[in-house]
């Protein structure tokens, strides 16, 4: 029997392609352009906070909740994000469809960005990358494809299902990989905006829970 292979993930590949095109253009334009791009279109929590308080242009500031998703701190940052999106995105897209996969991706990026702003409203360093968006896809994947072999547990008096524990393992693994990426970039100005991952992952979990459990081809 041949191993299962989902259909060509058109939406997943399109999102990957867009991120790659932006990175190529940024690299060709030079360091100065990249810095300006990150400053103007990266997510700066303090700018969002100022816009909410009426001290900055709201439209341009809020737009960065979306635009920061397609910017990256370098080829390694992009490469790791693309690798994991390609891995889980095709399965989620197979279950939910192209439009839903894109919606999960964008919702995770935006809500992950909002979570980062709430966690550090005065931060002035630009946050860039699709990590929060991909964390949402991971969250959806964990719900749609999690195996229930893990036994349920009780934590602080609360019953936690095996599927939820599996999803939490996915989250821990994803965040740990992002922290390792930050170590690899240490000294290059890259930092991991941990709350974007948490916000994005929870977003994916909730959307997939509403969607319902999908088939498990493996």
Protein backbone atom coordinates (compact mmCIF):
# COMPACT_ATOMS: atom_id res chain seq x y z
CA UNK A 1 0.00 0.00 0.00
CA UNK A 2 1.35 3.41 -0.95
CA UNK A 3 1.72 5.97 1.86
CA UNK A 4 -0.99 8.60 1.99
CA UNK A 5 -0.22 11.83 0.19
CA UNK A 6 -2.70 14.73 0.34
CA UNK A 7 -3.60 16.64 -2.83
CA UNK A 8 -1.39 19.49 -4.02
CA UNK A 9 -1.73 22.19 -1.31
CA UNK A 10 -2.33 25.21 -3.53
CA UNK A 11 -3.13 27.64 -0.69
CA UNK A 12 -0.18 26.49 1.41
CA UNK A 13 2.19 26.78 -1.53
CA UNK A 14 0.81 30.23 -2.38
CA UNK A 15 1.44 31.51 1.16
CA UNK A 16 4.95 30.08 1.08
CA UNK A 17 5.55 31.64 -2.34
CA UNK A 18 4.43 35.07 -1.14
CA UNK A 19 6.80 34.95 1.85
CA UNK A 20 9.68 33.85 -0.39
CA UNK A 21 9.00 36.58 -2.98
CA UNK A 22 9.00 39.25 -0.26
CA UNK A 23 12.28 37.91 1.18
CA UNK A 24 13.94 37.77 -2.24
CA UNK A 25 12.92 41.36 -2.99
CA UNK A 26 14.12 42.47 0.43
CA UNK A 27 17.47 40.74 0.03
CA UNK A 28 18.05 42.19 -3.44
CA UNK A 29 17.24 45.71 -2.24
CA UNK A 30 19.90 45.66 0.46
CA UNK A 31 20.19 46.01 4.22
CA UNK A 32 19.01 49.61 4.38
CA UNK A 33 15.81 48.76 2.54
CA UNK A 34 15.23 45.73 4.76
CA UNK A 35 15.60 47.84 7.90
CA UNK A 36 13.17 50.44 6.55
CA UNK A 37 10.73 47.72 5.51
CA UNK A 38 10.81 46.14 8.95
CA UNK A 39 10.37 49.49 10.65
CA UNK A 40 7.45 50.60 8.47
CA UNK A 41 5.66 47.27 8.01
CA UNK A 42 6.84 45.23 10.97
CA UNK A 43 4.67 45.02 14.06
CA UNK A 44 5.84 47.54 16.68
CA UNK A 45 3.64 47.20 19.79
CA UNK A 46 4.33 50.79 20.93
CA UNK A 47 3.07 52.08 17.56
CA UNK A 48 -0.17 50.10 17.94
CA UNK A 49 -0.58 51.43 21.47
CA UNK A 50 0.01 54.99 20.27
CA UNK A 51 -2.53 54.55 17.47
CA UNK A 52 -5.16 53.30 19.90
CA UNK A 53 -4.46 56.35 22.04
CA UNK A 54 -4.83 58.65 19.06
CA UNK A 55 -1.14 59.56 18.94
CA UNK A 56 -0.34 57.82 15.63
CA UNK A 57 -2.05 57.01 12.36
CA UNK A 58 -4.41 54.14 13.14
CA UNK A 59 -4.75 52.73 9.61
CA UNK A 60 -1.04 52.28 8.95
CA UNK A 61 -0.36 51.00 12.46
CA UNK A 62 -3.15 48.42 12.45
CA UNK A 63 -2.16 47.28 8.95
CA UNK A 64 1.13 46.02 10.39
CA UNK A 65 -0.82 43.33 12.27
CA UNK A 66 -1.06 41.73 8.83
CA UNK A 67 2.00 42.94 6.94
CA UNK A 68 4.48 41.75 9.59
CA UNK A 69 3.46 38.17 8.83
CA UNK A 70 5.10 38.22 5.39
CA UNK A 71 8.42 39.75 6.51
CA UNK A 72 11.29 37.69 7.93
CA UNK A 73 14.56 38.32 9.72
CA UNK A 74 16.67 36.41 7.21
CA UNK A 75 16.89 33.27 5.11
CA UNK A 76 17.20 30.86 8.05
CA UNK A 77 14.20 32.45 9.75
CA UNK A 78 12.20 32.16 6.53
CA UNK A 79 13.46 28.66 5.79
CA UNK A 80 12.39 27.19 9.11
CA UNK A 81 8.98 28.84 8.91
CA UNK A 82 8.45 27.64 5.34
CA UNK A 83 9.54 24.11 6.26
CA UNK A 84 6.99 23.76 9.03
CA UNK A 85 4.21 25.46 7.11
CA UNK A 86 4.79 23.05 4.22
CA UNK A 87 4.69 20.13 6.66
CA UNK A 88 1.43 20.88 8.50
CA UNK A 89 -0.27 23.23 6.05
CA UNK A 90 -0.92 20.60 3.40
CA UNK A 91 -2.76 18.35 5.85
CA UNK A 92 -4.85 21.13 7.34
CA UNK A 93 -5.68 22.40 3.85
CA UNK A 94 -6.72 18.89 2.81
CA UNK A 95 -9.26 18.74 5.66
CA UNK A 96 -10.52 22.32 5.77
CA UNK A 97 -10.07 23.52 2.21
CA UNK A 98 -8.00 26.33 0.73
CA UNK A 99 -10.04 29.30 1.95
CA UNK A 100 -10.18 28.02 5.52
CA UNK A 101 -6.43 27.34 5.59
CA UNK A 102 -5.73 30.92 4.51
CA UNK A 103 -8.24 32.19 7.09
CA UNK A 104 -6.54 30.19 9.87
CA UNK A 105 -3.13 31.46 8.78
CA UNK A 106 -4.16 35.12 8.66
CA UNK A 107 -6.23 34.95 11.85
CA UNK A 108 -3.29 33.39 13.68
CA UNK A 109 -0.93 36.09 12.44
CA UNK A 110 -3.26 38.93 13.39
CA UNK A 111 -4.41 37.59 16.76
CA UNK A 112 -0.87 36.48 17.58
CA UNK A 113 0.24 40.04 16.87
CA UNK A 114 -2.50 41.45 19.10
CA UNK A 115 -1.42 39.08 21.88
CA UNK A 116 2.15 40.33 21.56
CA UNK A 117 0.96 43.93 21.81
CA UNK A 118 -1.05 43.13 24.95
CA UNK A 119 1.98 41.40 26.49
CA UNK A 120 4.39 44.27 25.74
CA UNK A 121 2.48 47.42 24.76
CA UNK A 122 5.57 49.65 25.11
CA UNK A 123 7.96 47.46 23.08
CA UNK A 124 9.65 49.35 20.25
CA UNK A 125 11.44 46.55 18.36
CA UNK A 126 9.71 45.41 15.15
CA UNK A 127 8.20 41.94 15.23
CA UNK A 128 8.40 40.17 11.86
CA UNK A 129 7.67 36.68 10.63
CA UNK A 130 4.88 34.20 9.98
CA UNK A 131 5.51 32.31 13.22
CA UNK A 132 2.21 33.30 14.84
CA UNK A 133 0.31 32.43 11.67
CA UNK A 134 2.07 29.07 11.38
CA UNK A 135 1.46 28.43 15.08
CA UNK A 136 -2.27 28.73 14.28
CA UNK A 137 -1.90 26.12 11.54
CA UNK A 138 -0.06 23.93 14.07
CA UNK A 139 -2.94 24.39 16.51
CA UNK A 140 -5.46 23.35 13.87
CA UNK A 141 -3.30 20.39 12.90
CA UNK A 142 -3.06 19.29 16.53
CA UNK A 143 -6.85 19.25 16.86
CA UNK A 144 -7.64 17.72 13.47
CA UNK A 145 -4.98 15.02 13.52
CA UNK A 146 -4.03 14.48 17.16
CA UNK A 147 -4.00 10.82 18.15
CA UNK A 148 -5.84 10.02 21.39
CA UNK A 149 -3.23 7.52 22.62
CA UNK A 150 -2.17 9.96 25.36
CA UNK A 151 -4.16 9.32 28.54
CA UNK A 152 -6.25 12.07 30.07
CA UNK A 153 -4.79 13.84 33.08
CA UNK A 154 -5.98 16.08 35.90
CA UNK A 155 -4.13 19.35 36.45
CA UNK A 156 -5.06 21.68 39.32
CA UNK A 157 -8.33 19.84 39.63
CA UNK A 158 -9.20 20.18 35.94
CA UNK A 159 -9.63 17.20 33.62
CA UNK A 160 -7.49 17.58 30.47
CA UNK A 161 -8.18 15.28 27.52
CA UNK A 162 -5.51 13.30 25.73
CA UNK A 163 -6.10 15.34 22.57
CA UNK A 164 -5.52 18.59 24.47
CA UNK A 165 -2.32 17.24 26.00
CA UNK A 166 -1.13 16.23 22.53
CA UNK A 167 -1.93 19.73 21.26
CA UNK A 168 0.07 21.22 24.12
CA UNK A 169 3.03 19.03 23.14
CA UNK A 170 2.78 20.42 19.62
CA UNK A 171 2.79 23.95 21.04
CA UNK A 172 5.79 23.27 23.26
CA UNK A 173 7.71 21.73 20.36
CA UNK A 174 6.96 24.64 18.04
CA UNK A 175 7.94 27.27 20.59
CA UNK A 176 11.12 25.37 21.48
CA UNK A 177 12.11 25.28 17.81
CA UNK A 178 11.55 29.02 17.57
CA UNK A 179 13.75 29.58 20.62
CA UNK A 180 16.49 27.50 19.01
CA UNK A 181 16.14 29.69 15.92
CA UNK A 182 16.65 32.75 18.10
CA UNK A 183 19.84 31.23 19.52
CA UNK A 184 21.08 30.62 15.97
CA UNK A 185 20.45 34.28 15.19
CA UNK A 186 21.89 35.61 18.45
CA UNK A 187 23.81 38.77 17.75
CA UNK A 188 21.94 39.35 14.50
CA UNK A 189 19.09 41.30 16.04
CA UNK A 190 16.47 38.57 15.87
CA UNK A 191 14.26 37.98 18.87
CA UNK A 192 11.43 35.52 19.39
CA UNK A 193 8.10 37.21 20.09
CA UNK A 194 6.85 34.34 22.20
CA UNK A 195 3.35 35.72 22.67
CA UNK A 196 2.68 35.72 18.93
CA UNK A 197 3.21 31.95 19.01
CA UNK A 198 0.94 31.46 21.99
CA UNK A 199 -1.81 33.68 20.61
CA UNK A 200 -1.55 32.11 17.17
CA UNK A 201 -1.58 28.55 18.50
CA UNK A 202 -4.64 29.13 20.67
CA UNK A 203 -6.38 30.73 17.67
CA UNK A 204 -5.76 27.63 15.58
CA UNK A 205 -6.98 25.38 18.38
CA UNK A 206 -10.23 27.30 18.74
CA UNK A 207 -10.94 27.54 15.02
CA UNK A 208 -10.32 23.82 14.55
CA UNK A 209 -12.51 22.97 17.55
CA UNK A 210 -15.34 24.95 15.97
CA UNK A 211 -14.64 23.31 12.60
CA UNK A 212 -14.76 19.80 14.04
CA UNK A 213 -12.45 16.82 14.03
CA UNK A 214 -11.35 15.74 10.58
CA UNK A 215 -10.17 12.45 9.07
CA UNK A 216 -6.92 10.89 10.19
CA UNK A 217 -5.12 9.43 7.17
CA UNK A 218 -2.08 8.27 9.13
